[in-house]
Amino acid sequence: GLSILDFANKRGFPVELQELPAPVYDWQTPEQVWEHIMGLEENNTQNLLKIAGAANDCQEFGVMAFLNPFHMEQIEAEEKVGAILAKVKNAPHMMKELDYELGKEAEEEGSH
């Protein structure tokens, strides 16, 4: 997010923004949606690991420390999406309950 860009700008690191592809909208099932989301989370994790690897190679330990909360957030995101995907795959008849659960969770996060 912006905090990464702010950090890079403050440290004088060159930043090159690239165009993002349009989101995919041709899912046929809820499982396909969550599989796609999981792939996006895994891609985010890999990109963070590449940045951390480059920082380690350059001995930019401040960058590595800065990235640590993002790594923790990605671990949590992958675990959460993985759990949802497992529910969708193993109990597709429970979609209404899953929708309720996710809605309630979003409300709780929004109130913080």
PDB file of N, CA and C in Angstrom:
ATOM      1  N   GLY A   1       0.800  -1.170   0.000  1.00  0.00           N
ATOM      2  CA  GLY A   1       0.000   0.000   0.000  1.00  0.00           C
ATOM      3  C   GLY A   1       0.859   1.256   0.000  1.00  0.00           C
ATOM      4  N   LEU A   2       0.221   2.328   0.355  1.00  0.00           N
ATOM      5  CA  LEU A   2       0.908   3.609   0.352  1.00  0.00           C
ATOM      6  C   LEU A   2       2.048   3.660   1.353  1.00  0.00           C
ATOM      7  N   SER A   3       1.951   2.941   2.459  1.00  0.00           N
ATOM      8  CA  SER A   3       3.032   2.993   3.431  1.00  0.00           C
ATOM      9  C   SER A   3       4.328   2.444   2.839  1.00  0.00           C
ATOM     10  N   ILE A   4       4.233   1.468   1.976  1.00  0.00           N
ATOM     11  CA  ILE A   4       5.437   0.947   1.313  1.00  0.00           C
ATOM     12  C   ILE A   4       5.999   2.002   0.376  1.00  0.00           C
ATOM     13  N   LEU A   5       5.138   2.667  -0.382  1.00  0.00           N
ATOM     14  CA  LEU A   5       5.600   3.735  -1.273  1.00  0.00           C
ATOM     15  C   LEU A   5       6.194   4.884  -0.477  1.00  0.00           C
ATOM     16  N   ASP A   6       5.554   5.266   0.611  1.00  0.00           N
ATOM     17  CA  ASP A   6       6.084   6.331   1.464  1.00  0.00           C
ATOM     18  C   ASP A   6       7.469   5.967   1.985  1.00  0.00           C
ATOM     19  N   PHE A   7       7.612   4.735   2.452  1.00  0.00           N
ATOM     20  CA  PHE A   7       8.899   4.269   2.970  1.00  0.00           C
ATOM     21  C   PHE A   7       9.962   4.328   1.878  1.00  0.00           C
ATOM     22  N   ALA A   8       9.638   3.835   0.690  1.00  0.00           N
ATOM     23  CA  ALA A   8      10.596   3.835  -0.418  1.00  0.00           C
ATOM     24  C   ALA A   8      10.996   5.258  -0.794  1.00  0.00           C
ATOM     25  N   ASN A   9      10.027   6.150  -0.859  1.00  0.00           N
ATOM     26  CA  ASN A   9      10.329   7.542  -1.206  1.00  0.00           C
ATOM     27  C   ASN A   9      11.201   8.213  -0.153  1.00  0.00           C
ATOM     28  N   LYS A  10      10.909   7.985   1.118  1.00  0.00           N
ATOM     29  CA  LYS A  10      11.703   8.579   2.198  1.00  0.00           C
ATOM     30  C   LYS A  10      13.141   8.078   2.190  1.00  0.00           C
ATOM     31  N   ARG A  11      13.302   6.811   1.789  1.00  0.00           N
ATOM     32  CA  ARG A  11      14.652   6.233   1.748  1.00  0.00           C
ATOM     33  C   ARG A  11      15.366   6.499   0.428  1.00  0.00           C
ATOM     34  N   GLY A  12      14.661   7.122  -0.513  1.00  0.00           N
ATOM     35  CA  GLY A  12      15.271   7.449  -1.801  1.00  0.00           C
ATOM     36  C   GLY A  12      15.384   6.269  -2.757  1.00  0.00           C
ATOM     37  N   PHE A  13      14.574   5.237  -2.527  1.00  0.00           N
ATOM     38  CA  PHE A  13      14.576   4.081  -3.423  1.00  0.00           C
ATOM     39  C   PHE A  13      13.776   4.414  -4.676  1.00  0.00           C
ATOM     40  N   PRO A  14      14.259   3.996  -5.836  1.00  0.00           N
ATOM     41  CA  PRO A  14      13.475   4.242  -7.052  1.00  0.00           C
ATOM     42  C   PRO A  14      12.198   3.390  -7.035  1.00  0.00           C
ATOM     43  N   VAL A  15      11.116   3.992  -7.459  1.00  0.00           N
ATOM     44  CA  VAL A  15       9.821   3.301  -7.493  1.00  0.00           C
ATOM     45  C   VAL A  15       9.293   3.369  -8.915  1.00  0.00           C
ATOM     46  N   GLU A  16       8.949   2.224  -9.438  1.00  0.00           N
ATOM     47  CA  GLU A  16       8.358   2.157 -10.780  1.00  0.00           C
ATOM     48  C   GLU A  16       7.004   1.468 -10.650  1.00  0.00           C
ATOM     49  N   LEU A  17       5.952   2.241 -10.843  1.00  0.00           N
ATOM     50  CA  LEU A  17       4.611   1.671 -10.771  1.00  0.00           C
ATOM     51  C   LEU A  17       4.235   1.101 -12.130  1.00  0.00           C
ATOM     52  N   GLN A  18       3.607  -0.052 -12.098  1.00  0.00           N
ATOM     53  CA  GLN A  18       3.190  -0.702 -13.333  1.00  0.00           C
ATOM     54  C   GLN A  18       1.674  -0.858 -13.329  1.00  0.00           C
ATOM     55  N   GLU A  19       1.127  -0.900 -14.522  1.00  0.00           N
ATOM     56  CA  GLU A  19      -0.313  -1.072 -14.679  1.00  0.00           C
ATOM     57  C   GLU A  19      -0.731  -2.445 -14.170  1.00  0.00           C
ATOM     58  N   LEU A  20      -1.858  -2.470 -13.462  1.00  0.00           N
ATOM     59  CA  LEU A  20      -2.415  -3.734 -12.996  1.00  0.00           C
ATOM     60  C   LEU A  20      -3.398  -4.253 -14.031  1.00  0.00           C
ATOM     61  N   PRO A  21      -3.417  -5.561 -14.255  1.00  0.00           N
ATOM     62  CA  PRO A  21      -4.412  -6.101 -15.192  1.00  0.00           C
ATOM     63  C   PRO A  21      -5.817  -5.957 -14.613  1.00  0.00           C
ATOM     64  N   ALA A  22      -6.783  -5.889 -15.488  1.00  0.00           N
ATOM     65  CA  ALA A  22      -8.175  -5.803 -15.053  1.00  0.00           C
ATOM     66  C   ALA A  22      -8.543  -7.057 -14.270  1.00  0.00           C
ATOM     67  N   PRO A  23      -9.386  -6.917 -13.256  1.00  0.00           N
ATOM     68  CA  PRO A  23      -9.799  -8.087 -12.484  1.00  0.00           C
ATOM     69  C   PRO A  23     -10.550  -9.101 -13.348  1.00  0.00           C
ATOM     70  N   VAL A  24     -10.438 -10.346 -12.956  1.00  0.00           N
ATOM     71  CA  VAL A  24     -11.133 -11.429 -13.642  1.00  0.00           C
ATOM     72  C   VAL A  24     -12.577 -11.465 -13.149  1.00  0.00           C
ATOM     73  N   TYR A  25     -13.490 -11.593 -14.076  1.00  0.00           N
ATOM     74  CA  TYR A  25     -14.901 -11.644 -13.694  1.00  0.00           C
ATOM     75  C   TYR A  25     -15.621 -12.873 -14.247  1.00  0.00           C
ATOM     76  N   ASP A  26     -14.904 -13.843 -14.742  1.00  0.00           N
ATOM     77  CA  ASP A  26     -15.568 -14.974 -15.390  1.00  0.00           C
ATOM     78  C   ASP A  26     -15.618 -16.235 -14.525  1.00  0.00           C
ATOM     79  N   TRP A  27     -15.699 -16.044 -13.215  1.00  0.00           N
ATOM     80  CA  TRP A  27     -15.810 -17.199 -12.337  1.00  0.00           C
ATOM     81  C   TRP A  27     -17.162 -17.861 -12.530  1.00  0.00           C
ATOM     82  N   GLN A  28     -17.173 -19.162 -12.446  1.00  0.00           N
ATOM     83  CA  GLN A  28     -18.415 -19.919 -12.593  1.00  0.00           C
ATOM     84  C   GLN A  28     -18.957 -20.419 -11.256  1.00  0.00           C
ATOM     85  N   THR A  29     -18.065 -20.501 -10.261  1.00  0.00           N
ATOM     86  CA  THR A  29     -18.474 -21.029  -8.958  1.00  0.00           C
ATOM     87  C   THR A  29     -17.805 -20.222  -7.843  1.00  0.00           C
ATOM     88  N   PRO A  30     -18.354 -20.276  -6.641  1.00  0.00           N
ATOM     89  CA  PRO A  30     -17.687 -19.627  -5.508  1.00  0.00           C
ATOM     90  C   PRO A  30     -16.277 -20.193  -5.272  1.00  0.00           C
ATOM     91  N   GLU A  31     -16.111 -21.475  -5.523  1.00  0.00           N
ATOM     92  CA  GLU A  31     -14.792 -22.084  -5.356  1.00  0.00           C
ATOM     93  C   GLU A  31     -13.765 -21.422  -6.273  1.00  0.00           C
ATOM     94  N   GLN A  32     -14.154 -21.129  -7.502  1.00  0.00           N
ATOM     95  CA  GLN A  32     -13.236 -20.456  -8.431  1.00  0.00           C
ATOM     96  C   GLN A  32     -12.871 -19.059  -7.934  1.00  0.00           C
ATOM     97  N   VAL A  33     -13.821 -18.360  -7.344  1.00  0.00           N
ATOM     98  CA  VAL A  33     -13.550 -17.027  -6.789  1.00  0.00           C
ATOM     99  C   VAL A  33     -12.475 -17.131  -5.711  1.00  0.00           C
ATOM    100  N   TRP A  34     -12.688 -18.057  -4.770  1.00  0.00           N
ATOM    101  CA  TRP A  34     -11.752 -18.173  -3.644  1.00  0.00           C
ATOM    102  C   TRP A  34     -10.401 -18.740  -4.078  1.00  0.00           C
ATOM    103  N   GLU A  35     -10.389 -19.602  -5.092  1.00  0.00           N
ATOM    104  CA  GLU A  35      -9.108 -20.072  -5.627  1.00  0.00           C
ATOM    105  C   GLU A  35      -8.335 -18.909  -6.245  1.00  0.00           C
ATOM    106  N   HIS A  36      -9.049 -18.037  -6.933  1.00  0.00           N
ATOM    107  CA  HIS A  36      -8.411 -16.867  -7.537  1.00  0.00           C
ATOM    108  C   HIS A  36      -7.855 -15.941  -6.444  1.00  0.00           C
ATOM    109  N   ILE A  37      -8.644 -15.704  -5.407  1.00  0.00           N
ATOM    110  CA  ILE A  37      -8.194 -14.863  -4.298  1.00  0.00           C
ATOM    111  C   ILE A  37      -6.958 -15.474  -3.647  1.00  0.00           C
ATOM    112  N   MET A  38      -6.963 -16.790  -3.463  1.00  0.00           N
ATOM    113  CA  MET A  38      -5.807 -17.460  -2.867  1.00  0.00           C
ATOM    114  C   MET A  38      -4.569 -17.262  -3.737  1.00  0.00           C
ATOM    115  N   GLY A  39      -4.724 -17.364  -5.044  1.00  0.00           N
ATOM    116  CA  GLY A  39      -3.596 -17.136  -5.950  1.00  0.00           C
ATOM    117  C   GLY A  39      -3.055 -15.725  -5.832  1.00  0.00           C
ATOM    118  N   LEU A  40      -3.946 -14.758  -5.671  1.00  0.00           N
ATOM    119  CA  LEU A  40      -3.511 -13.368  -5.502  1.00  0.00           C
ATOM    120  C   LEU A  40      -2.734 -13.191  -4.203  1.00  0.00           C
ATOM    121  N   GLU A  41      -3.223 -13.809  -3.130  1.00  0.00           N
ATOM    122  CA  GLU A  41      -2.514 -13.724  -1.847  1.00  0.00           C
ATOM    123  C   GLU A  41      -1.138 -14.383  -1.944  1.00  0.00           C
ATOM    124  N   GLU A  42      -1.070 -15.535  -2.599  1.00  0.00           N
ATOM    125  CA  GLU A  42       0.217 -16.214  -2.763  1.00  0.00           C
ATOM    126  C   GLU A  42       1.168 -15.368  -3.592  1.00  0.00           C
ATOM    127  N   ASN A  43       0.657 -14.682  -4.599  1.00  0.00           N
ATOM    128  CA  ASN A  43       1.479 -13.792  -5.415  1.00  0.00           C
ATOM    129  C   ASN A  43       2.013 -12.628  -4.574  1.00  0.00           C
ATOM    130  N   ASN A  44       1.152 -12.054  -3.734  1.00  0.00           N
ATOM    131  CA  ASN A  44       1.603 -10.986  -2.833  1.00  0.00           C
ATOM    132  C   ASN A  44       2.732 -11.467  -1.933  1.00  0.00           C
ATOM    133  N   THR A  45       2.570 -12.666  -1.386  1.00  0.00           N
ATOM    134  CA  THR A  45       3.594 -13.226  -0.507  1.00  0.00           C
ATOM    135  C   THR A  45       4.912 -13.392  -1.256  1.00  0.00           C
ATOM    136  N   GLN A  46       4.851 -13.934  -2.465  1.00  0.00           N
ATOM    137  CA  GLN A  46       6.074 -14.120  -3.249  1.00  0.00           C
ATOM    138  C   GLN A  46       6.755 -12.794  -3.557  1.00  0.00           C
ATOM    139  N   ASN A  47       5.972 -11.771  -3.857  1.00  0.00           N
ATOM    140  CA  ASN A  47       6.552 -10.459  -4.138  1.00  0.00           C
ATOM    141  C   ASN A  47       7.223  -9.878  -2.891  1.00  0.00           C
ATOM    142  N   LEU A  48       6.595 -10.029  -1.733  1.00  0.00           N
ATOM    143  CA  LEU A  48       7.225  -9.573  -0.491  1.00  0.00           C
ATOM    144  C   LEU A  48       8.522 -10.321  -0.218  1.00  0.00           C
ATOM    145  N   LEU A  49       8.516 -11.619  -0.488  1.00  0.00           N
ATOM    146  CA  LEU A  49       9.731 -12.411  -0.271  1.00  0.00           C
ATOM    147  C   LEU A  49      10.849 -11.987  -1.224  1.00  0.00           C
ATOM    148  N   LYS A  50      10.505 -11.620  -2.442  1.00  0.00           N
ATOM    149  CA  LYS A  50      11.514 -11.127  -3.388  1.00  0.00           C
ATOM    150  C   LYS A  50      12.124  -9.823  -2.893  1.00  0.00           C
ATOM    151  N   ILE A  51      11.270  -8.924  -2.403  1.00  0.00           N
ATOM    152  CA  ILE A  51      11.774  -7.652  -1.879  1.00  0.00           C
ATOM    153  C   ILE A  51      12.671  -7.904  -0.668  1.00  0.00           C
ATOM    154  N   ALA A  52      12.235  -8.780   0.228  1.00  0.00           N
ATOM    155  CA  ALA A  52      13.029  -9.095   1.415  1.00  0.00           C
ATOM    156  C   ALA A  52      14.357  -9.743   1.021  1.00  0.00           C
ATOM    157  N   GLY A  53      14.330 -10.605   0.019  1.00  0.00           N
ATOM    158  CA  GLY A  53      15.567 -11.233  -0.450  1.00  0.00           C
ATOM    159  C   GLY A  53      16.542 -10.217  -1.011  1.00  0.00           C
ATOM    160  N   ALA A  54      16.023  -9.267  -1.794  1.00  0.00           N
ATOM    161  CA  ALA A  54      16.878  -8.212  -2.342  1.00  0.00           C
ATOM    162  C   ALA A  54      17.431  -7.349  -1.215  1.00  0.00           C
ATOM    163  N   ALA A  55      16.587  -7.030  -0.227  1.00  0.00           N
ATOM    164  CA  ALA A  55      17.047  -6.224   0.905  1.00  0.00           C
ATOM    165  C   ALA A  55      18.124  -6.959   1.686  1.00  0.00           C
ATOM    166  N   ASN A  56      17.951  -8.245   1.869  1.00  0.00           N
ATOM    167  CA  ASN A  56      18.957  -9.045   2.572  1.00  0.00           C
ATOM    168  C   ASN A  56      20.271  -9.054   1.792  1.00  0.00           C
ATOM    169  N   ASP A  57      20.179  -9.256   0.483  1.00  0.00           N
ATOM    170  CA  ASP A  57      21.390  -9.274  -0.349  1.00  0.00           C
ATOM    171  C   ASP A  57      22.155  -7.954  -0.263  1.00  0.00           C
ATOM    172  N   CYS A  58      21.415  -6.847  -0.124  1.00  0.00           N
ATOM    173  CA  CYS A  58      22.024  -5.507  -0.054  1.00  0.00           C
ATOM    174  C   CYS A  58      22.297  -5.078   1.389  1.00  0.00           C
ATOM    175  N   GLN A  59      22.023  -5.961   2.318  1.00  0.00           N
ATOM    176  CA  GLN A  59      22.177  -5.677   3.748  1.00  0.00           C
ATOM    177  C   GLN A  59      21.397  -4.432   4.175  1.00  0.00           C
ATOM    178  N   GLU A  60      20.201  -4.308   3.630  1.00  0.00           N
ATOM    179  CA  GLU A  60      19.274  -3.228   4.000  1.00  0.00           C
ATOM    180  C   GLU A  60      18.362  -3.764   5.104  1.00  0.00           C
ATOM    181  N   PHE A  61      18.915  -3.844   6.299  1.00  0.00           N
ATOM    182  CA  PHE A  61      18.189  -4.466   7.400  1.00  0.00           C
ATOM    183  C   PHE A  61      16.993  -3.631   7.858  1.00  0.00           C
ATOM    184  N   GLY A  62      17.044  -2.338   7.644  1.00  0.00           N
ATOM    185  CA  GLY A  62      15.898  -1.488   7.954  1.00  0.00           C
ATOM    186  C   GLY A  62      14.700  -1.835   7.088  1.00  0.00           C
ATOM    187  N   VAL A  63      14.981  -2.152   5.828  1.00  0.00           N
ATOM    188  CA  VAL A  63      13.900  -2.560   4.917  1.00  0.00           C
ATOM    189  C   VAL A  63      13.308  -3.889   5.384  1.00  0.00           C
ATOM    190  N   MET A  64      14.183  -4.806   5.765  1.00  0.00           N
ATOM    191  CA  MET A  64      13.689  -6.105   6.223  1.00  0.00           C
ATOM    192  C   MET A  64      12.814  -5.950   7.467  1.00  0.00           C
ATOM    193  N   ALA A  65      13.233  -5.089   8.391  1.00  0.00           N
ATOM    194  CA  ALA A  65      12.435  -4.856   9.602  1.00  0.00           C
ATOM    195  C   ALA A  65      11.102  -4.198   9.243  1.00  0.00           C
ATOM    196  N   PHE A  66      11.133  -3.265   8.303  1.00  0.00           N
ATOM    197  CA  PHE A  66       9.912  -2.596   7.866  1.00  0.00           C
ATOM    198  C   PHE A  66       8.928  -3.594   7.254  1.00  0.00           C
ATOM    199  N   LEU A  67       9.438  -4.571   6.518  1.00  0.00           N
ATOM    200  CA  LEU A  67       8.581  -5.534   5.827  1.00  0.00           C
ATOM    201  C   LEU A  67       7.970  -6.583   6.747  1.00  0.00           C
ATOM    202  N   ASN A  68       8.536  -6.763   7.925  1.00  0.00           N
ATOM    203  CA  ASN A  68       8.074  -7.845   8.798  1.00  0.00           C
ATOM    204  C   ASN A  68       6.571  -7.808   9.074  1.00  0.00           C
ATOM    205  N   PRO A  69       5.975  -6.656   9.417  1.00  0.00           N
ATOM    206  CA  PRO A  69       4.516  -6.663   9.637  1.00  0.00           C
ATOM    207  C   PRO A  69       3.728  -7.065   8.391  1.00  0.00           C
ATOM    208  N   PHE A  70       4.256  -6.720   7.211  1.00  0.00           N
ATOM    209  CA  PHE A  70       3.576  -7.105   5.977  1.00  0.00           C
ATOM    210  C   PHE A  70       3.640  -8.614   5.778  1.00  0.00           C
ATOM    211  N   HIS A  71       4.776  -9.219   6.144  1.00  0.00           N
ATOM    212  CA  HIS A  71       4.887 -10.680   6.059  1.00  0.00           C
ATOM    213  C   HIS A  71       3.877 -11.334   6.996  1.00  0.00           C
ATOM    214  N   MET A  72       3.758 -10.811   8.205  1.00  0.00           N
ATOM    215  CA  MET A  72       2.816 -11.382   9.168  1.00  0.00           C
ATOM    216  C   MET A  72       1.385 -11.246   8.657  1.00  0.00           C
ATOM    217  N   GLU A  73       1.082 -10.105   8.074  1.00  0.00           N
ATOM    218  CA  GLU A  73      -0.253  -9.893   7.523  1.00  0.00           C
ATOM    219  C   GLU A  73      -0.538 -10.877   6.388  1.00  0.00           C
ATOM    220  N   GLN A  74       0.467 -11.142   5.557  1.00  0.00           N
ATOM    221  CA  GLN A  74       0.286 -12.090   4.447  1.00  0.00           C
ATOM    222  C   GLN A  74       0.082 -13.511   4.953  1.00  0.00           C
ATOM    223  N   ILE A  75       0.800 -13.884   5.988  1.00  0.00           N
ATOM    224  CA  ILE A  75       0.616 -15.222   6.564  1.00  0.00           C
ATOM    225  C   ILE A  75      -0.827 -15.367   7.046  1.00  0.00           C
ATOM    226  N   GLU A  76      -1.311 -14.344   7.750  1.00  0.00           N
ATOM    227  CA  GLU A  76      -2.689 -14.379   8.240  1.00  0.00           C
ATOM    228  C   GLU A  76      -3.687 -14.404   7.090  1.00  0.00           C
ATOM    229  N   ALA A  77      -3.428 -13.618   6.049  1.00  0.00           N
ATOM    230  CA  ALA A  77      -4.342 -13.570   4.903  1.00  0.00           C
ATOM    231  C   ALA A  77      -4.410 -14.917   4.203  1.00  0.00           C
ATOM    232  N   GLU A  78      -3.255 -15.544   3.984  1.00  0.00           N
ATOM    233  CA  GLU A  78      -3.254 -16.856   3.323  1.00  0.00           C
ATOM    234  C   GLU A  78      -3.962 -17.900   4.178  1.00  0.00           C
ATOM    235  N   GLU A  79      -3.752 -17.854   5.483  1.00  0.00           N
ATOM    236  CA  GLU A  79      -4.434 -18.806   6.360  1.00  0.00           C
ATOM    237  C   GLU A  79      -5.945 -18.597   6.309  1.00  0.00           C
ATOM    238  N   LYS A  80      -6.370 -17.339   6.355  1.00  0.00           N
ATOM    239  CA  LYS A  80      -7.800 -17.031   6.341  1.00  0.00           C
ATOM    240  C   LYS A  80      -8.439 -17.460   5.025  1.00  0.00           C
ATOM    241  N   VAL A  81      -7.821 -17.091   3.912  1.00  0.00           N
ATOM    242  CA  VAL A  81      -8.380 -17.455   2.606  1.00  0.00           C
ATOM    243  C   VAL A  81      -8.343 -18.968   2.422  1.00  0.00           C
ATOM    244  N   GLY A  82      -7.274 -19.609   2.878  1.00  0.00           N
ATOM    245  CA  GLY A  82      -7.188 -21.068   2.794  1.00  0.00           C
ATOM    246  C   GLY A  82      -8.302 -21.749   3.565  1.00  0.00           C
ATOM    247  N   ALA A  83      -8.613 -21.211   4.740  1.00  0.00           N
ATOM    248  CA  ALA A  83      -9.702 -21.783   5.550  1.00  0.00           C
ATOM    249  C   ALA A  83     -11.047 -21.593   4.859  1.00  0.00           C
ATOM    250  N   ILE A  84     -11.245 -20.419   4.283  1.00  0.00           N
ATOM    251  CA  ILE A  84     -12.505 -20.166   3.567  1.00  0.00           C
ATOM    252  C   ILE A  84     -12.607 -21.082   2.360  1.00  0.00           C
ATOM    253  N   LEU A  85     -11.517 -21.210   1.612  1.00  0.00           N
ATOM    254  CA  LEU A  85     -11.518 -22.082   0.432  1.00  0.00           C
ATOM    255  C   LEU A  85     -11.823 -23.525   0.820  1.00  0.00           C
ATOM    256  N   ALA A  86     -11.268 -23.980   1.921  1.00  0.00           N
ATOM    257  CA  ALA A  86     -11.551 -25.344   2.386  1.00  0.00           C
ATOM    258  C   ALA A  86     -13.030 -25.506   2.711  1.00  0.00           C
ATOM    259  N   LYS A  87     -13.621 -24.487   3.346  1.00  0.00           N
ATOM    260  CA  LYS A  87     -15.054 -24.560   3.651  1.00  0.00           C
ATOM    261  C   LYS A  87     -15.885 -24.597   2.374  1.00  0.00           C
ATOM    262  N   VAL A  88     -15.499 -23.780   1.410  1.00  0.00           N
ATOM    263  CA  VAL A  88     -16.245 -23.732   0.145  1.00  0.00           C
ATOM    264  C   VAL A  88     -16.147 -25.075  -0.583  1.00  0.00           C
ATOM    265  N   LYS A  89     -14.956 -25.670  -0.572  1.00  0.00           N
ATOM    266  CA  LYS A  89     -14.762 -26.955  -1.260  1.00  0.00           C
ATOM    267  C   LYS A  89     -15.465 -28.099  -0.541  1.00  0.00           C
ATOM    268  N   ASN A  90     -15.362 -28.112   0.777  1.00  0.00           N
ATOM    269  CA  ASN A  90     -15.853 -29.256   1.548  1.00  0.00           C
ATOM    270  C   ASN A  90     -17.313 -29.161   1.949  1.00  0.00           C
ATOM    271  N   ALA A  91     -17.872 -27.973   1.915  1.00  0.00           N
ATOM    272  CA  ALA A  91     -19.263 -27.817   2.342  1.00  0.00           C
ATOM    273  C   ALA A  91     -19.952 -26.739   1.508  1.00  0.00           C
ATOM    274  N   PRO A  92     -20.077 -26.969   0.198  1.00  0.00           N
ATOM    275  CA  PRO A  92     -20.685 -25.934  -0.645  1.00  0.00           C
ATOM    276  C   PRO A  92     -22.123 -25.601  -0.246  1.00  0.00           C
ATOM    277  N   HIS A  93     -22.791 -26.513   0.441  1.00  0.00           N
ATOM    278  CA  HIS A  93     -24.153 -26.273   0.894  1.00  0.00           C
ATOM    279  C   HIS A  93     -24.209 -25.294   2.071  1.00  0.00           C
ATOM    280  N   MET A  94     -23.051 -24.919   2.595  1.00  0.00           N
ATOM    281  CA  MET A  94     -22.981 -24.021   3.751  1.00  0.00           C
ATOM    282  C   MET A  94     -22.654 -22.577   3.350  1.00  0.00           C
ATOM    283  N   MET A  95     -22.862 -22.223   2.092  1.00  0.00           N
ATOM    284  CA  MET A  95     -22.486 -20.900   1.602  1.00  0.00           C
ATOM    285  C   MET A  95     -23.221 -19.779   2.335  1.00  0.00           C
ATOM    286  N   LYS A  96     -24.462 -19.978   2.649  1.00  0.00           N
ATOM    287  CA  LYS A  96     -25.233 -18.935   3.342  1.00  0.00           C
ATOM    288  C   LYS A  96     -24.626 -18.653   4.718  1.00  0.00           C
ATOM    289  N   GLU A  97     -24.255 -19.708   5.429  1.00  0.00           N
ATOM    290  CA  GLU A  97     -23.638 -19.556   6.742  1.00  0.00           C
ATOM    291  C   GLU A  97     -22.274 -18.890   6.627  1.00  0.00           C
ATOM    292  N   LEU A  98     -21.509 -19.262   5.614  1.00  0.00           N
ATOM    293  CA  LEU A  98     -20.196 -18.659   5.395  1.00  0.00           C
ATOM    294  C   LEU A  98     -20.347 -17.174   5.077  1.00  0.00           C
ATOM    295  N   ASP A  99     -21.312 -16.840   4.253  1.00  0.00           N
ATOM    296  CA  ASP A  99     -21.566 -15.446   3.918  1.00  0.00           C
ATOM    297  C   ASP A  99     -21.901 -14.653   5.179  1.00  0.00           C
ATOM    298  N   TYR A 100     -22.739 -15.205   6.030  1.00  0.00           N
ATOM    299  CA  TYR A 100     -23.106 -14.548   7.288  1.00  0.00           C
ATOM    300  C   TYR A 100     -21.867 -14.351   8.163  1.00  0.00           C
ATOM    301  N   GLU A 101     -21.063 -15.407   8.288  1.00  0.00           N
ATOM    302  CA  GLU A 101     -19.855 -15.366   9.115  1.00  0.00           C
ATOM    303  C   GLU A 101     -18.887 -14.285   8.619  1.00  0.00           C
ATOM    304  N   LEU A 102     -18.670 -14.228   7.309  1.00  0.00           N
ATOM    305  CA  LEU A 102     -17.758 -13.234   6.747  1.00  0.00           C
ATOM    306  C   LEU A 102     -18.316 -11.819   6.891  1.00  0.00           C
ATOM    307  N   GLY A 103     -19.625 -11.670   6.736  1.00  0.00           N
ATOM    308  CA  GLY A 103     -20.251 -10.364   6.920  1.00  0.00           C
ATOM    309  C   GLY A 103     -20.119  -9.867   8.352  1.00  0.00           C
ATOM    310  N   LYS A 104     -20.332 -10.755   9.286  1.00  0.00           N
ATOM    311  CA  LYS A 104     -20.207 -10.398  10.707  1.00  0.00           C
ATOM    312  C   LYS A 104     -18.765 -10.009  11.023  1.00  0.00           C
ATOM    313  N   GLU A 105     -17.825 -10.754  10.495  1.00  0.00           N
ATOM    314  CA  GLU A 105     -16.404 -10.449  10.700  1.00  0.00           C
ATOM    315  C   GLU A 105     -16.045  -9.090  10.107  1.00  0.00           C
ATOM    316  N   ALA A 106     -16.562  -8.789   8.929  1.00  0.00           N
ATOM    317  CA  ALA A 106     -16.288  -7.491   8.293  1.00  0.00           C
ATOM    318  C   ALA A 106     -16.867  -6.348   9.120  1.00  0.00           C
ATOM    319  N   GLU A 107     -18.042  -6.547   9.668  1.00  0.00           N
ATOM    320  CA  GLU A 107     -18.645  -5.532  10.544  1.00  0.00           C
ATOM    321  C   GLU A 107     -17.780  -5.271  11.769  1.00  0.00           C
ATOM    322  N   GLU A 108     -17.275  -6.346  12.363  1.00  0.00           N
ATOM    323  CA  GLU A 108     -16.430  -6.212  13.552  1.00  0.00           C
ATOM    324  C   GLU A 108     -15.129  -5.479  13.218  1.00  0.00           C
ATOM    325  N   GLU A 109     -14.537  -5.799  12.080  1.00  0.00           N
ATOM    326  CA  GLU A 109     -13.305  -5.121  11.664  1.00  0.00           C
ATOM    327  C   GLU A 109     -13.572  -3.654  11.371  1.00  0.00           C
ATOM    328  N   GLY A 110     -14.732  -3.360  10.810  1.00  0.00           N
ATOM    329  CA  GLY A 110     -15.090  -1.975  10.474  1.00  0.00           C
ATOM    330  C   GLY A 110     -15.341  -1.117  11.714  1.00  0.00           C
ATOM    331  N   SER A 111     -15.691  -1.748  12.806  1.00  0.00           N
ATOM    332  CA  SER A 111     -15.982  -0.986  14.025  1.00  0.00           C
ATOM    333  C   SER A 111     -14.726  -0.682  14.830  1.00  0.00           C
ATOM    334  N   HIS A 112     -13.576  -1.187  14.403  1.00  0.00           N
ATOM    335  CA  HIS A 112     -12.330  -0.955  15.164  1.00  0.00           C
ATOM    336  C   HIS A 112     -11.663   0.280  14.699  1.00  0.00           C
TER     337      HIS A 112
END
